[in-house]
Amino acid sequence: MYRTRHVARVRHRFATAVAAAVVVTLAAPMPAEADDGKRRKRSRRFKDETDPATGYVDPRARKLPRTHRFRLGLEAFYMRLTRARGNDGSTQQFHLAPLGIDAAYQAQFLKYMMARLSLAFAINAANTFAAMPYHIHPKLHLGYQGKLVGVAIGYGYFTPLYYLIDQVDPVRGGLPEPVVRNNHHIDGELSFTTRDYHGALSFIFRVSAVHSTLDHLNRRAEKGWRPMFTLNVGWFFGETERGRKRRLAREAAREQRKKARQKRRRRR
């Protein structure tokens, strides 16, 4: 009798232990779920850039452009000019193709709107170098700027720093070269910008309509419109550590003011 009760007691304890083990196993998260949870927490931690205690930044996440950005790029634009005919019947087509450095300041406002002021200094790489070797080119653009794509319209002005009408190249020879001056243009722009992490790479393509004053041979002070194409590759400089701390402080203060307004509304 005693042996039967002992066996029954042992079986009951064993069944209770097995049931508890099953419950614990089912309640515990699976390894994949645990890893997903850790990844989600880690992702939230990296994206929580506004927390000064962590200071983590996720370089994979695309963010809207900062309010103030400086850009340095390499710019080339092309415009086809006139054709000249020599006394021997030969002809020569002239082109304008300045290549130079473009420095710009871009401001972001109304979340998706941008304004960019830029200034370029270029050297003419085409067959009109002897007539107009150096150009200065200020521009102003206004438009949409998202996380990746930007679309804008703009106005610009470029002119040679000095020019020599009907100058013949002393090295390559050829026919007298034309001069285009007081060039005013309006253009449409399409741009692509990479993720902003310590800076961003951007590509800009423009199509412009240029109103110029042309001097070439018997054509003097002739005004007219010509198409122009521009390609610009540049780098947006990233914010400094001091600038980042200031931005985080401004965002924290803005969040505090928002919470304070919500509390006042609740009291009312």
Protein backbone atom coordinates (compact mmCIF):
# COMPACT_ATOMS: atom_id res chain seq x y z
CA MET A 1 0.00 0.00 0.00
CA TYR A 2 2.78 2.40 0.94
CA ARG A 3 4.68 1.52 -2.26
CA THR A 4 1.64 2.29 -4.43
CA ARG A 5 1.20 5.71 -2.81
CA HIS A 6 4.90 6.49 -3.26
CA VAL A 7 4.82 5.57 -6.96
CA ALA A 8 1.71 7.72 -7.46
CA ARG A 9 3.37 10.67 -5.70
CA VAL A 10 6.48 10.34 -7.91
CA ARG A 11 4.35 10.19 -11.06
CA HIS A 12 2.42 13.31 -10.01
CA ARG A 13 5.63 15.26 -9.38
CA PHE A 14 7.09 14.14 -12.71
CA ALA A 15 3.93 15.14 -14.60
CA THR A 16 3.94 18.54 -12.86
CA ALA A 17 7.59 19.13 -13.81
CA VAL A 18 6.95 18.13 -17.43
CA ALA A 19 3.93 20.46 -17.65
CA ALA A 20 5.92 23.36 -16.18
CA ALA A 21 8.75 22.76 -18.66
CA VAL A 22 6.30 22.77 -21.57
CA VAL A 23 4.70 26.01 -20.40
CA VAL A 24 8.08 27.72 -20.00
CA THR A 25 9.21 26.51 -23.43
CA LEU A 26 6.08 27.78 -25.15
CA ALA A 27 6.21 31.12 -23.33
CA ALA A 28 9.87 31.78 -24.16
CA PRO A 29 10.50 33.60 -27.50
CA MET A 30 12.01 31.65 -30.34
CA PRO A 31 15.62 32.49 -31.28
CA ALA A 32 14.52 34.15 -34.52
CA GLU A 33 11.88 36.21 -32.69
CA ALA A 34 14.43 37.20 -30.07
CA ASP A 35 16.87 38.24 -32.80
CA ASP A 36 14.14 40.23 -34.54
CA GLY A 37 13.34 41.94 -31.27
CA LYS A 38 16.98 42.84 -30.75
CA ARG A 39 17.24 44.10 -34.31
CA ARG A 40 14.14 46.24 -33.90
CA LYS A 41 15.47 47.69 -30.66
CA ARG A 42 18.88 48.28 -32.26
CA SER A 43 17.25 49.91 -35.31
CA ARG A 44 15.16 52.18 -33.08
CA ARG A 45 18.25 53.02 -31.08
CA PHE A 46 20.27 53.94 -34.18
CA LYS A 47 17.42 56.03 -35.58
CA ASP A 48 16.92 57.84 -32.27
CA GLU A 49 19.32 60.62 -33.19
CA THR A 50 17.53 63.14 -31.00
CA ASP A 51 18.59 61.35 -27.82
CA PRO A 52 21.78 63.06 -26.62
CA ALA A 53 22.51 60.11 -24.35
CA THR A 54 23.00 57.73 -27.29
CA GLY A 55 23.97 59.98 -30.20
CA TYR A 56 23.59 57.11 -32.67
CA VAL A 57 22.96 57.85 -36.36
CA ASP A 58 21.69 55.29 -38.85
CA PRO A 59 23.56 55.91 -42.14
CA ARG A 60 21.11 53.68 -44.02
CA ALA A 61 18.11 55.92 -43.39
CA ARG A 62 17.42 58.71 -45.88
CA LYS A 63 16.68 62.05 -44.28
CA LEU A 64 15.47 65.32 -45.64
CA PRO A 65 18.24 67.83 -46.41
CA ARG A 66 19.44 70.10 -43.63
CA THR A 67 18.38 73.74 -43.53
CA HIS A 68 21.79 75.10 -44.53
CA ARG A 69 24.21 73.27 -46.83
CA PHE A 70 27.37 74.22 -48.71
CA ARG A 71 28.30 72.56 -51.98
CA LEU A 72 31.47 72.43 -54.06
CA GLY A 73 31.28 70.97 -57.53
CA LEU A 74 32.83 70.55 -60.96
CA GLU A 75 30.68 72.14 -63.66
CA ALA A 76 30.80 71.96 -67.46
CA PHE A 77 28.38 73.57 -69.87
CA TYR A 78 28.21 73.56 -73.65
CA MET A 79 26.78 75.97 -76.24
CA ARG A 80 27.14 75.79 -80.01
CA LEU A 81 28.14 79.05 -81.67
CA THR A 82 28.53 80.27 -85.25
CA ARG A 83 30.30 78.82 -88.27
CA ALA A 84 32.90 80.74 -90.31
CA ARG A 85 34.05 80.26 -93.89
CA GLY A 86 37.60 81.03 -94.99
CA ASN A 87 38.84 82.49 -98.26
CA ASP A 88 39.86 79.01 -99.45
CA GLY A 89 36.33 77.68 -98.96
CA SER A 90 37.07 75.83 -95.69
CA THR A 91 34.63 76.15 -92.80
CA GLN A 92 35.05 75.97 -89.05
CA GLN A 93 32.33 75.43 -86.45
CA PHE A 94 32.90 77.21 -83.13
CA HIS A 95 31.79 76.05 -79.71
CA LEU A 96 31.76 77.30 -76.13
CA ALA A 97 32.53 74.72 -73.43
CA PRO A 98 33.72 76.20 -70.11
CA LEU A 99 34.86 73.82 -67.39
CA GLY A 100 35.36 75.04 -63.83
CA ILE A 101 34.67 75.07 -60.13
CA ASP A 102 31.18 75.84 -58.79
CA ALA A 103 30.63 76.91 -55.16
CA ALA A 104 27.06 77.05 -53.85
CA TYR A 105 24.96 77.66 -50.75
CA GLN A 106 21.62 75.86 -50.54
CA ALA A 107 18.83 76.61 -48.04
CA GLN A 108 15.93 74.26 -47.32
CA PHE A 109 12.57 75.74 -46.26
CA LEU A 110 8.91 74.71 -46.10
CA LYS A 111 10.20 71.13 -45.69
CA TYR A 112 10.54 70.34 -49.42
CA MET A 113 11.46 73.70 -50.98
CA MET A 114 15.02 74.84 -51.65
CA ALA A 115 16.87 77.93 -52.84
CA ARG A 116 20.45 77.74 -54.13
CA LEU A 117 22.86 80.57 -54.85
CA SER A 118 26.03 79.58 -56.70
CA LEU A 119 29.06 81.11 -58.35
CA ALA A 120 31.29 79.36 -60.90
CA PHE A 121 34.66 80.27 -62.35
CA ALA A 122 35.47 78.40 -65.55
CA ILE A 123 38.10 78.07 -68.27
CA ASN A 124 36.94 77.68 -71.84
CA ALA A 125 37.98 74.26 -73.17
CA ALA A 126 36.58 74.69 -76.70
CA ASN A 127 38.03 76.22 -79.86
CA THR A 128 37.11 79.77 -78.77
CA PHE A 129 39.68 79.93 -75.96
CA ALA A 130 41.75 82.65 -77.64
CA ALA A 131 38.74 84.98 -77.94
CA MET A 132 37.22 84.40 -74.47
CA PRO A 133 39.34 82.23 -72.18
CA TYR A 134 37.80 82.78 -68.73
CA HIS A 135 34.19 83.03 -67.59
CA ILE A 136 32.38 83.97 -64.40
CA HIS A 137 28.92 82.47 -63.88
CA PRO A 138 26.54 83.36 -60.97
CA LYS A 139 23.21 81.48 -60.73
CA LEU A 140 20.06 81.35 -58.60
CA HIS A 141 17.73 78.31 -58.47
CA LEU A 142 14.44 77.68 -56.70
CA GLY A 143 12.45 74.46 -56.56
CA TYR A 144 11.69 71.13 -54.92
CA GLN A 145 14.32 69.10 -53.06
CA GLY A 146 13.43 65.71 -51.62
CA LYS A 147 15.52 62.97 -50.07
CA LEU A 148 16.77 61.76 -53.47
CA VAL A 149 15.44 63.83 -56.38
CA GLY A 150 15.32 67.58 -56.90
CA VAL A 151 13.61 69.67 -59.58
CA ALA A 152 14.20 73.41 -59.96
CA ILE A 153 14.07 76.38 -62.28
CA GLY A 154 16.71 79.06 -62.30
CA TYR A 155 18.25 82.16 -63.72
CA GLY A 156 21.92 82.73 -64.48
CA TYR A 157 24.31 85.15 -66.08
CA PHE A 158 27.75 84.49 -67.51
CA THR A 159 30.22 86.52 -69.47
CA PRO A 160 33.94 86.35 -70.31
CA LEU A 161 36.19 88.23 -67.91
CA TYR A 162 37.82 89.73 -71.00
CA TYR A 163 37.41 89.04 -74.71
CA LEU A 164 39.08 89.69 -78.08
CA ILE A 165 36.70 89.86 -81.03
CA ASP A 166 37.77 87.91 -84.16
CA GLN A 167 40.91 86.66 -82.44
CA VAL A 168 42.83 83.88 -84.21
CA ASP A 169 44.35 81.16 -82.03
CA PRO A 170 48.15 81.74 -82.11
CA VAL A 171 48.87 78.05 -81.50
CA ARG A 172 46.23 76.11 -83.44
CA GLY A 173 45.51 78.75 -86.04
CA GLY A 174 42.18 78.60 -87.83
CA LEU A 175 39.62 81.30 -88.56
CA PRO A 176 38.67 84.34 -86.44
CA GLU A 177 36.78 83.28 -83.33
CA PRO A 178 33.40 84.62 -82.16
CA VAL A 179 32.58 86.25 -78.83
CA VAL A 180 29.33 85.88 -76.87
CA ARG A 181 28.85 88.25 -73.95
CA ASN A 182 26.13 89.37 -71.57
CA ASN A 183 24.61 85.90 -71.55
CA HIS A 184 21.34 85.70 -69.59
CA HIS A 185 19.72 82.28 -69.29
CA ILE A 186 16.73 80.54 -67.76
CA ASP A 187 16.92 76.81 -67.20
CA GLY A 188 15.26 73.71 -65.88
CA GLU A 189 17.21 71.47 -63.53
CA LEU A 190 17.04 67.82 -62.48
CA SER A 191 19.26 66.61 -59.61
CA PHE A 192 19.99 63.41 -57.71
CA THR A 193 21.56 63.37 -54.23
CA THR A 194 22.87 60.41 -52.25
CA ARG A 195 22.20 59.78 -48.55
CA ASP A 196 23.53 62.54 -46.33
CA TYR A 197 26.06 60.95 -43.97
CA HIS A 198 29.05 63.20 -43.29
CA GLY A 199 28.24 64.73 -46.67
CA ALA A 200 26.42 63.77 -49.86
CA LEU A 201 27.27 63.38 -53.54
CA SER A 202 24.95 65.12 -56.01
CA PHE A 203 24.51 65.15 -59.79
CA ILE A 204 22.82 68.03 -61.63
CA PHE A 205 21.69 68.23 -65.25
CA ARG A 206 20.32 71.46 -66.74
CA VAL A 207 18.82 72.53 -70.05
CA SER A 208 18.93 76.29 -70.63
CA ALA A 209 17.78 78.92 -73.08
CA VAL A 210 20.49 81.60 -73.38
CA HIS A 211 20.05 85.13 -74.68
CA SER A 212 23.43 86.39 -75.87
CA THR A 213 25.13 89.25 -77.63
CA LEU A 214 27.27 87.87 -80.47
CA ASP A 215 30.25 89.52 -82.21
CA HIS A 216 31.78 87.62 -85.12
CA LEU A 217 33.16 88.90 -88.41
CA ASN A 218 30.43 90.99 -90.07
CA ARG A 219 27.89 90.16 -87.34
CA ARG A 220 28.21 92.83 -84.65
CA ALA A 221 26.17 93.05 -81.44
CA GLU A 222 23.71 90.47 -82.75
CA LYS A 223 21.25 89.35 -80.08
CA GLY A 224 19.56 85.96 -80.09
CA TRP A 225 18.64 82.78 -78.22
CA ARG A 226 20.64 79.57 -78.10
CA PRO A 227 20.29 76.26 -76.20
CA MET A 228 22.84 75.30 -73.56
CA PHE A 229 23.43 72.05 -71.65
CA THR A 230 25.08 71.80 -68.23
CA LEU A 231 26.41 68.90 -66.15
CA ASN A 232 27.50 69.41 -62.56
CA VAL A 233 28.93 66.87 -60.11
CA GLY A 234 29.42 68.11 -56.57
CA TRP A 235 29.68 67.35 -52.87
CA PHE A 236 27.45 68.67 -50.10
CA PHE A 237 29.57 69.08 -46.98
CA GLY A 238 28.26 67.36 -43.86
CA GLU A 239 27.51 69.17 -40.63
CA THR A 240 30.22 69.55 -38.02
CA GLU A 241 30.00 68.07 -34.53
CA ARG A 242 29.27 71.49 -33.08
CA GLY A 243 26.54 72.09 -35.64
CA ARG A 244 25.03 68.71 -34.91
CA LYS A 245 24.90 69.41 -31.17
CA ARG A 246 23.23 72.75 -31.84
CA ARG A 247 20.66 71.11 -34.07
CA LEU A 248 19.90 68.44 -31.48
CA ALA A 249 19.54 71.14 -28.82
CA ARG A 250 17.11 73.08 -31.03
CA GLU A 251 15.08 69.94 -31.71
CA ALA A 252 14.97 69.08 -27.99
CA ALA A 253 13.84 72.62 -27.13
CA ARG A 254 11.18 72.45 -29.85
CA GLU A 255 9.93 69.15 -28.45
CA GLN A 256 9.75 70.60 -24.94
CA ARG A 257 7.75 73.58 -26.16
CA LYS A 258 5.38 71.24 -27.96
CA LYS A 259 4.82 69.18 -24.80
CA ALA A 260 4.29 72.35 -22.76
CA ARG A 261 1.60 73.54 -25.20
CA GLN A 262 -0.12 70.16 -25.03
CA LYS A 263 -0.16 70.33 -21.20
CA ARG A 264 -1.69 73.81 -21.24
CA ARG A 265 -4.40 72.65 -23.61
CA ARG A 266 -5.24 69.72 -21.34
CA ARG A 267 -5.56 72.02 -18.33
CA ARG A 268 -8.04 74.17 -20.18
